[in-house]
């Protein structure tokens, strides 16, 4: 399936980037509380996305909280 995504992201006229302040440290914030079914999805979805080639492991000290949104069919979107 990842073969279908060649050429992504598309070429843009403007290159976007985030310039970090040299020596800046990541902000430490406690993760949001998740229900047991959300914890299960948090385990399953990244594995599935990695197997499909959409994401790859990261060892960056920077991160972001995970939020789930319920879709019309009751499934969770991460």
Protein backbone atom coordinates (compact mmCIF):
# COMPACT_ATOMS: atom_id res chain seq x y z
CA UNK A 1 0.00 0.00 0.00
CA UNK A 2 2.87 2.41 0.71
CA UNK A 3 3.89 1.97 -2.96
CA UNK A 4 0.67 3.81 -3.85
CA UNK A 5 1.93 6.84 -1.94
CA UNK A 6 5.07 7.59 -3.94
CA UNK A 7 5.52 11.30 -4.52
CA UNK A 8 3.99 12.23 -1.18
CA UNK A 9 4.18 14.78 0.21
CA UNK A 10 3.67 16.79 -2.97
CA UNK A 11 6.26 19.34 -4.07
CA UNK A 12 5.37 22.76 -2.69
CA UNK A 13 6.49 26.24 -3.66
CA UNK A 14 7.35 27.01 -0.04
CA UNK A 15 9.37 24.72 2.23
CA UNK A 16 7.92 24.68 5.75
CA UNK A 17 10.06 24.00 8.80
CA UNK A 18 10.16 24.69 12.50
CA UNK A 19 13.33 26.39 13.70
CA UNK A 20 14.16 25.35 17.24
CA UNK A 21 16.05 27.51 19.69
CA UNK A 22 19.53 26.01 20.11
CA UNK A 23 19.76 24.12 23.39
CA UNK A 24 15.98 24.13 23.92
CA UNK A 25 14.75 21.21 26.01
CA UNK A 26 11.52 19.30 25.35
CA UNK A 27 8.57 20.30 27.51
CA UNK A 28 7.59 17.53 29.89
CA UNK A 29 3.84 17.03 30.25
CA UNK A 30 1.95 14.11 31.75
CA UNK A 31 0.02 12.05 29.18
CA UNK A 32 -3.75 12.27 29.03
CA UNK A 33 -5.67 9.56 30.85
CA UNK A 34 -7.01 6.91 28.51
CA UNK A 35 -9.82 4.39 28.94
CA UNK A 36 -8.82 0.71 28.66
CA UNK A 37 -10.25 0.43 25.12
CA UNK A 38 -8.23 3.53 24.12
CA UNK A 39 -5.08 1.95 25.57
CA UNK A 40 -5.74 -1.10 23.38
CA UNK A 41 -6.11 1.12 20.30
CA UNK A 42 -2.93 2.97 21.27
CA UNK A 43 -1.16 -0.38 21.14
CA UNK A 44 -2.78 -1.60 17.90
CA UNK A 45 -2.93 1.45 15.61
CA UNK A 46 0.79 2.39 15.60
CA UNK A 47 1.78 -1.26 14.95
CA UNK A 48 -0.62 -1.42 12.01
CA UNK A 49 0.55 1.93 10.60
CA UNK A 50 4.20 0.88 10.91
CA UNK A 51 3.53 -2.46 9.16
CA UNK A 52 1.89 -0.55 6.28
CA UNK A 53 4.90 1.78 6.03
CA UNK A 54 3.01 4.95 6.98
CA UNK A 55 5.09 5.64 10.10
CA UNK A 56 8.50 4.63 11.42
CA UNK A 57 10.03 4.44 14.90
CA UNK A 58 11.39 7.68 16.34
CA UNK A 59 13.94 8.22 19.08
CA UNK A 60 13.32 11.95 19.34
CA UNK A 61 12.93 13.46 22.81
CA UNK A 62 10.11 15.60 21.38
CA UNK A 63 6.56 14.28 21.25
CA UNK A 64 2.88 15.16 21.40
CA UNK A 65 -0.10 13.84 23.35
CA UNK A 66 -2.34 11.25 21.70
CA UNK A 67 -6.01 12.07 21.20
CA UNK A 68 -8.74 9.77 19.91
CA UNK A 69 -11.89 10.86 18.08
CA UNK A 70 -14.82 8.49 17.66
CA UNK A 71 -15.88 7.95 14.06
CA UNK A 72 -19.53 7.48 13.02
CA UNK A 73 -19.08 3.70 13.01
CA UNK A 74 -17.75 3.76 16.59
CA UNK A 75 -14.12 3.10 15.63
CA UNK A 76 -11.42 5.38 16.98
CA UNK A 77 -9.33 7.74 14.88
CA UNK A 78 -5.94 8.61 16.33
